[in-house]
Amino acid sequence: MAPIGKRTYELASGEHVEYEYGSVQMRFLGEFAVTRIAFGPDDCEPRLGFIALGSAGFDVDLNSRTVRKLRARPLKRVA
């Protein structure tokens, strides 16, 4: 897989960094999705992110650090 662009990301520390990104097809717990991934430094640990999980139909609760599969994907706008 090859990068297709660059974007600035904000780390948890508040620091801004620029990483290349690409598009991937993924399967997670039986769900298929197409999502964007960022290419971090060579020494970083790969992580499945919030946006990737959401695009595959999963809800991420940041407070309890749990992931649950949505029964239905909402098609309405969230206020």
C-alpha atoms as a PDB file:
ATOM      1  CA  MET A   1       0.000   0.000   0.000  1.00  0.00           C
ATOM      2  CA  ALA A   2       1.292   3.430  -0.905  1.00  0.00           C
ATOM      3  CA  PRO A   3       0.565   6.846   0.630  1.00  0.00           C
ATOM      4  CA  ILE A   4      -1.786   9.073  -1.372  1.00  0.00           C
ATOM      5  CA  GLY A   5      -1.381  12.354   0.522  1.00  0.00           C
ATOM      6  CA  LYS A   6      -0.281  14.166   3.681  1.00  0.00           C
ATOM      7  CA  ARG A   7      -2.338  15.608   6.518  1.00  0.00           C
ATOM      8  CA  THR A   8      -1.646  17.297   9.847  1.00  0.00           C
ATOM      9  CA  TYR A   9      -2.829  15.323  12.895  1.00  0.00           C
ATOM     10  CA  GLU A  10      -3.071  16.338  16.544  1.00  0.00           C
ATOM     11  CA  LEU A  11      -1.555  13.927  19.064  1.00  0.00           C
ATOM     12  CA  ALA A  12      -3.020  13.339  22.537  1.00  0.00           C
ATOM     13  CA  SER A  13      -0.309  15.652  23.891  1.00  0.00           C
ATOM     14  CA  GLY A  14      -1.640  18.493  21.723  1.00  0.00           C
ATOM     15  CA  GLU A  15       1.409  18.385  19.446  1.00  0.00           C
ATOM     16  CA  HIS A  16       0.708  18.723  15.707  1.00  0.00           C
ATOM     17  CA  VAL A  17       2.500  16.335  13.354  1.00  0.00           C
ATOM     18  CA  GLU A  18       2.274  15.714   9.620  1.00  0.00           C
ATOM     19  CA  TYR A  19       1.861  12.118   8.436  1.00  0.00           C
ATOM     20  CA  GLU A  20       1.252  10.549   5.069  1.00  0.00           C
ATOM     21  CA  TYR A  21      -2.044   8.708   4.700  1.00  0.00           C
ATOM     22  CA  GLY A  22      -3.565   6.062   2.470  1.00  0.00           C
ATOM     23  CA  SER A  23      -6.843   4.270   1.868  1.00  0.00           C
ATOM     24  CA  VAL A  24      -7.403   0.630   2.830  1.00  0.00           C
ATOM     25  CA  GLN A  25     -10.075  -2.026   2.763  1.00  0.00           C
ATOM     26  CA  MET A  26     -10.436  -3.660   6.180  1.00  0.00           C
ATOM     27  CA  ARG A  27     -12.402  -6.415   7.849  1.00  0.00           C
ATOM     28  CA  PHE A  28     -13.005  -6.275  11.612  1.00  0.00           C
ATOM     29  CA  LEU A  29     -15.152  -8.810  13.506  1.00  0.00           C
ATOM     30  CA  GLY A  30     -16.927  -9.785  10.303  1.00  0.00           C
ATOM     31  CA  GLU A  31     -17.596  -6.248   9.051  1.00  0.00           C
ATOM     32  CA  PHE A  32     -16.030  -4.818   5.892  1.00  0.00           C
ATOM     33  CA  ALA A  33     -15.151  -1.134   5.429  1.00  0.00           C
ATOM     34  CA  VAL A  34     -12.979   1.211   3.408  1.00  0.00           C
ATOM     35  CA  THR A  35     -11.158   3.771   5.544  1.00  0.00           C
ATOM     36  CA  ARG A  36      -8.176   6.112   5.739  1.00  0.00           C
ATOM     37  CA  ILE A  37      -5.024   5.208   7.643  1.00  0.00           C
ATOM     38  CA  ALA A  38      -2.065   7.353   8.681  1.00  0.00           C
ATOM     39  CA  PHE A  39       1.518   6.180   8.202  1.00  0.00           C
ATOM     40  CA  GLY A  40       3.298   6.969  11.465  1.00  0.00           C
ATOM     41  CA  PRO A  41       7.000   6.707  12.294  1.00  0.00           C
ATOM     42  CA  ASP A  42       8.705   3.333  11.777  1.00  0.00           C
ATOM     43  CA  ASP A  43       9.005   2.787  15.554  1.00  0.00           C
ATOM     44  CA  CYS A  44       5.304   3.370  16.365  1.00  0.00           C
ATOM     45  CA  GLU A  45       2.838   0.616  17.226  1.00  0.00           C
ATOM     46  CA  PRO A  46      -0.012   0.075  14.722  1.00  0.00           C
ATOM     47  CA  ARG A  47      -3.449   0.931  16.111  1.00  0.00           C
ATOM     48  CA  LEU A  48      -6.960   0.506  14.778  1.00  0.00           C
ATOM     49  CA  GLY A  49      -8.467   3.955  15.135  1.00  0.00           C
ATOM     50  CA  PHE A  50     -11.790   5.476  16.052  1.00  0.00           C
ATOM     51  CA  ILE A  51     -12.638   6.512  12.481  1.00  0.00           C
ATOM     52  CA  ALA A  52     -11.779   3.089  11.036  1.00  0.00           C
ATOM     53  CA  LEU A  53     -13.929   1.313  13.631  1.00  0.00           C
ATOM     54  CA  GLY A  54     -16.806   3.744  13.079  1.00  0.00           C
ATOM     55  CA  SER A  55     -16.723   3.226   9.334  1.00  0.00           C
ATOM     56  CA  ALA A  56     -16.965  -0.542   9.934  1.00  0.00           C
ATOM     57  CA  GLY A  57     -20.136  -0.095  12.030  1.00  0.00           C
ATOM     58  CA  PHE A  58     -18.735  -0.050  15.545  1.00  0.00           C
ATOM     59  CA  ASP A  59     -19.258   2.454  18.357  1.00  0.00           C
ATOM     60  CA  VAL A  60     -16.233   3.384  20.463  1.00  0.00           C
ATOM     61  CA  ASP A  61     -16.906   4.561  24.031  1.00  0.00           C
ATOM     62  CA  LEU A  62     -13.884   6.662  24.912  1.00  0.00           C
ATOM     63  CA  ASN A  63     -14.786   6.816  28.617  1.00  0.00           C
ATOM     64  CA  SER A  64     -15.085   3.067  29.213  1.00  0.00           C
ATOM     65  CA  ARG A  65     -12.660   2.153  26.402  1.00  0.00           C
ATOM     66  CA  THR A  66     -15.087  -0.380  24.957  1.00  0.00           C
ATOM     67  CA  VAL A  67     -16.131  -1.194  21.400  1.00  0.00           C
ATOM     68  CA  ARG A  68     -19.585  -2.472  20.487  1.00  0.00           C
ATOM     69  CA  LYS A  69     -21.101  -3.418  17.162  1.00  0.00           C
ATOM     70  CA  LEU A  70     -24.004  -1.170  16.149  1.00  0.00           C
ATOM     71  CA  ARG A  71     -27.292  -2.956  15.436  1.00  0.00           C
ATOM     72  CA  ALA A  72     -28.057  -0.409  12.719  1.00  0.00           C
ATOM     73  CA  ARG A  73     -26.051   2.398  11.196  1.00  0.00           C
ATOM     74  CA  PRO A  74     -27.712   5.769  11.658  1.00  0.00           C
ATOM     75  CA  LEU A  75     -28.502   7.649   8.448  1.00  0.00           C
ATOM     76  CA  LYS A  76     -29.684  10.767  10.254  1.00  0.00           C
ATOM     77  CA  ARG A  77     -27.573  13.764  11.087  1.00  0.00           C
ATOM     78  CA  VAL A  78     -26.235  13.867  14.631  1.00  0.00           C
ATOM     79  CA  ALA A  79     -26.892  17.194  16.388  1.00  0.00           C
END
